[in-house]
Protein backbone atom coordinates (compact mmCIF):
# COMPACT_ATOMS: atom_id res chain seq x y z
CA UNK A 1 15.54 29.49 -28.82
CA UNK A 2 16.51 25.81 -28.94
CA UNK A 3 20.02 26.81 -30.01
CA UNK A 4 20.31 29.20 -27.07
CA UNK A 5 19.11 26.49 -24.70
CA UNK A 6 21.59 23.99 -26.14
CA UNK A 7 24.39 26.56 -25.87
CA UNK A 8 23.47 27.29 -22.25
CA UNK A 9 23.50 23.58 -21.40
CA UNK A 10 26.85 23.15 -23.14
CA UNK A 11 28.42 25.86 -20.99
CA UNK A 12 27.08 24.41 -17.73
CA UNK A 13 29.56 22.83 -15.30
CA UNK A 14 29.51 19.00 -15.57
CA UNK A 15 27.98 18.54 -12.12
CA UNK A 16 25.20 21.03 -12.86
CA UNK A 17 24.52 19.26 -16.16
CA UNK A 18 24.25 15.97 -14.29
CA UNK A 19 21.72 17.39 -11.84
CA UNK A 20 19.76 19.10 -14.64
CA UNK A 21 19.64 15.86 -16.63
CA UNK A 22 18.51 13.88 -13.59
CA UNK A 23 15.78 16.44 -12.87
CA UNK A 24 14.48 16.29 -16.44
CA UNK A 25 14.55 12.48 -16.35
CA UNK A 26 12.59 12.37 -13.08
CA UNK A 27 10.05 14.84 -14.47
CA UNK A 28 9.55 12.88 -17.71
CA UNK A 29 9.30 9.53 -15.91
CA UNK A 30 6.75 10.90 -13.44
CA UNK A 31 4.62 12.39 -16.22
CA UNK A 32 4.49 9.04 -18.04
CA UNK A 33 4.04 6.94 -14.90
CA UNK A 34 0.89 5.28 -16.27
CA UNK A 35 2.78 4.02 -19.32
CA UNK A 36 6.00 3.07 -17.50
CA UNK A 37 4.66 1.45 -14.32
CA UNK A 38 4.79 -2.36 -14.65
CA UNK A 39 1.81 -2.94 -12.31
CA UNK A 40 -1.26 -1.26 -10.92
CA UNK A 41 0.07 0.66 -7.89
CA UNK A 42 -3.07 -0.18 -5.91
CA UNK A 43 -3.26 -3.90 -6.77
CA UNK A 44 -2.64 -6.10 -3.72
CA UNK A 45 -1.47 -9.73 -3.63
CA UNK A 46 -1.23 -11.58 -0.29
CA UNK A 47 1.26 -14.01 -1.84
CA UNK A 48 3.73 -11.22 -2.63
CA UNK A 49 3.89 -9.49 0.76
CA UNK A 50 7.30 -7.90 1.55
CA UNK A 51 9.12 -9.49 -1.37
CA UNK A 52 12.77 -8.47 -1.89
CA UNK A 53 13.87 -6.83 -5.16
CA UNK A 54 13.68 -9.22 -8.11
CA UNK A 55 13.35 -9.20 -11.89
CA UNK A 56 9.55 -9.11 -11.58
CA UNK A 57 9.58 -6.44 -8.86
CA UNK A 58 12.80 -4.36 -9.13
CA UNK A 59 12.06 -2.45 -5.91
CA UNK A 60 10.28 -5.27 -4.10
CA UNK A 61 6.77 -5.14 -2.64
CA UNK A 62 5.19 -3.62 0.47
CA UNK A 63 3.25 -5.22 3.31
CA UNK A 64 0.15 -5.44 1.11
CA UNK A 65 1.93 -7.08 -1.81
CA UNK A 66 1.87 -3.92 -3.94
CA UNK A 67 4.71 -3.27 -6.37
CA UNK A 68 6.93 -0.53 -4.93
CA UNK A 69 8.35 0.65 -8.26
CA UNK A 70 4.85 1.33 -9.60
CA UNK A 71 3.92 3.16 -6.41
CA UNK A 72 7.09 5.27 -6.57
CA UNK A 73 6.36 6.28 -10.17
CA UNK A 74 2.75 7.24 -9.46
CA UNK A 75 3.70 8.89 -6.18
CA UNK A 76 6.32 11.02 -7.94
CA UNK A 77 3.74 12.23 -10.45
CA UNK A 78 1.31 13.19 -7.70
CA UNK A 79 4.00 14.93 -5.64
CA UNK A 80 5.45 16.90 -8.58
CA UNK A 81 2.06 17.97 -9.95
CA UNK A 82 0.86 19.02 -6.50
CA UNK A 83 4.06 21.01 -5.85
CA UNK A 84 3.83 22.74 -9.23
CA UNK A 85 0.19 23.69 -8.63
CA UNK A 86 0.88 24.97 -5.10
CA UNK A 87 3.81 27.14 -6.17
CA UNK A 88 2.07 28.39 -9.32
CA UNK A 89 -0.97 29.62 -7.41
CA UNK A 90 0.94 30.84 -4.34
CA UNK A 91 3.61 32.65 -6.37
CA UNK A 92 1.08 34.26 -8.70
CA UNK A 93 -1.27 35.39 -5.94
CA UNK A 94 1.46 36.46 -3.54
CA UNK A 95 3.37 38.36 -6.22
CA UNK A 96 0.22 40.22 -7.29
CA UNK A 97 -0.48 41.25 -3.69
CA UNK A 98 3.13 42.37 -3.26
CA UNK A 99 2.99 44.38 -6.48
CA UNK A 100 -0.14 46.21 -5.37
CA UNK A 101 1.21 46.87 -1.88
CA UNK A 102 4.56 48.14 -3.10
CA UNK A 103 3.16 50.30 -5.88
CA UNK A 104 0.17 51.97 -4.22
CA UNK A 105 1.67 52.10 -0.71
CA UNK A 106 -0.30 53.98 1.96
CA UNK A 107 -3.44 52.26 3.22
CA UNK A 108 -3.28 49.57 0.55
CA UNK A 109 0.22 48.61 1.64
CA UNK A 110 -0.69 48.72 5.34
CA UNK A 111 -3.79 46.55 4.91
CA UNK A 112 -2.18 43.91 2.70
CA UNK A 113 0.98 43.67 4.79
CA UNK A 114 -1.01 43.30 8.02
CA UNK A 115 -2.74 40.30 6.44
CA UNK A 116 0.69 38.92 5.55
CA UNK A 117 1.89 39.52 9.12
CA UNK A 118 -1.09 37.67 10.57
CA UNK A 119 -0.52 34.63 8.34
CA UNK A 120 3.22 34.62 9.03
CA UNK A 121 2.66 34.91 12.79
CA UNK A 122 1.85 31.20 12.81
CA UNK A 123 4.38 28.47 11.89
CA UNK A 124 3.52 27.55 8.30
CA UNK A 125 3.44 23.78 8.86
CA UNK A 126 1.20 24.06 11.93
CA UNK A 127 -1.10 26.49 10.11
CA UNK A 128 -1.27 24.15 7.10
CA UNK A 129 -2.18 21.22 9.37
CA UNK A 130 -4.85 23.32 11.09
CA UNK A 131 -6.36 24.43 7.77
CA UNK A 132 -6.29 20.86 6.44
CA UNK A 133 -8.00 19.72 9.64
CA UNK A 134 -10.77 22.26 9.14
CA UNK A 135 -11.23 21.48 5.44
CA UNK A 136 -10.91 17.71 5.90
CA UNK A 137 -8.54 15.07 4.60
CA UNK A 138 -7.53 14.40 1.02
CA UNK A 139 -4.94 15.64 -1.44
CA UNK A 140 -7.07 18.55 -2.68
CA UNK A 141 -7.52 20.01 0.79
CA UNK A 142 -3.84 19.49 1.59
CA UNK A 143 -2.91 21.44 -1.56
CA UNK A 144 -5.31 24.25 -0.62
CA UNK A 145 -3.87 24.40 2.89
CA UNK A 146 -0.32 24.71 1.58
CA UNK A 147 -1.38 27.39 -0.91
CA UNK A 148 -2.84 29.44 1.94
CA UNK A 149 0.41 29.29 3.91
CA UNK A 150 2.94 29.70 1.08
CA UNK A 151 1.94 32.90 -0.71
CA UNK A 152 3.17 35.33 1.96
CA UNK A 153 6.87 35.06 1.16
CA UNK A 154 6.19 35.95 -2.48
CA UNK A 155 4.10 38.92 -1.35
CA UNK A 156 6.96 40.26 0.77
CA UNK A 157 9.56 39.65 -1.94
CA UNK A 158 7.46 41.26 -4.67
CA UNK A 159 6.64 44.23 -2.43
CA UNK A 160 10.28 44.95 -1.59
CA UNK A 161 11.34 44.75 -5.23
CA UNK A 162 8.38 46.87 -6.35
CA UNK A 163 9.26 49.58 -3.81
CA UNK A 164 12.77 49.73 -5.28
CA UNK A 165 11.63 49.52 -8.91
CA UNK A 166 9.06 52.30 -8.44
CA UNK A 167 11.89 54.76 -7.83
CA UNK A 168 13.77 53.83 -11.01
CA UNK A 169 14.06 56.28 -13.88
CA UNK A 170 12.11 54.15 -16.36
CA UNK A 171 9.08 54.08 -14.03
CA UNK A 172 9.23 57.84 -13.53
CA UNK A 173 9.43 58.28 -17.31
CA UNK A 174 6.39 56.01 -17.76
CA UNK A 175 4.44 58.11 -15.27
CA UNK A 176 5.39 61.36 -17.03
CA UNK A 177 4.36 59.90 -20.39
CA UNK A 178 0.85 59.29 -19.06
CA UNK A 179 0.90 55.51 -18.65
CA UNK A 180 -1.80 54.09 -16.41
CA UNK A 181 -0.96 52.40 -13.13
CA UNK A 182 -1.93 49.03 -14.60
CA UNK A 183 0.42 49.48 -17.54
CA UNK A 184 3.28 50.62 -15.31
CA UNK A 185 2.77 47.66 -13.00
CA UNK A 186 2.48 44.90 -15.59
CA UNK A 187 4.43 46.30 -18.54
CA UNK A 188 7.33 47.99 -16.75
CA UNK A 189 7.77 46.80 -13.16
CA UNK A 190 6.69 43.15 -13.35
CA UNK A 191 9.03 42.18 -16.23
CA UNK A 192 11.96 43.60 -14.28
CA UNK A 193 11.25 41.68 -11.08
CA UNK A 194 9.89 38.48 -12.63
CA UNK A 195 13.32 36.83 -12.88
CA UNK A 196 13.87 36.84 -9.13
CA UNK A 197 10.31 35.65 -8.46
CA UNK A 198 10.62 32.77 -10.93
CA UNK A 199 14.00 31.73 -9.51
CA UNK A 200 12.55 31.74 -5.99
CA UNK A 201 9.56 29.69 -7.13
CA UNK A 202 11.72 27.09 -8.87
CA UNK A 203 13.88 26.69 -5.78
CA UNK A 204 10.78 26.52 -3.59
CA UNK A 205 9.33 23.60 -5.57
CA UNK A 206 12.12 21.34 -4.31
CA UNK A 207 11.06 21.96 -0.70
CA UNK A 208 7.40 21.05 -1.15
């Protein structure tokens, strides 16, 4: 597997390799922010207010005397972890709903898609702000609000692909062989649509 990954990286265009390397570097640095940050990101010092970049503070300090480099490192970790959690939950839940709607169709499809329509009738950012206002402030509630407004696009995508996959020959053969609906969904249809869902999720992370 490592050889395949190395071969894939080797065949990437130089610019794509540069972006991939930068992304990996940012991810690693953010994960080890506690070990790499030179200062406590919350420590204030009135004598260091709005200092320019220097050897001691490479990115300078803010209006409370806090080291900006340390705050950037810790902020990156929080942002990346929150985005990963939001997309993981939203993509998993939305894809499952789309699978069920596309496979069972009929009343199940109508009910689930009407819920999707209701959620999508509101601008996602405004809906997220409204939900966060109801739940209260804080990172946890903000993450929950974004989860509740993000899953619908995965539901629609999974539903459309499931509708198409359900007509394929391999699904018809699985039905004729006596496979249960659960097995057809998760052993035959899901593996064939997972690639598109994962690609969409990875691209979506960058917008969070």
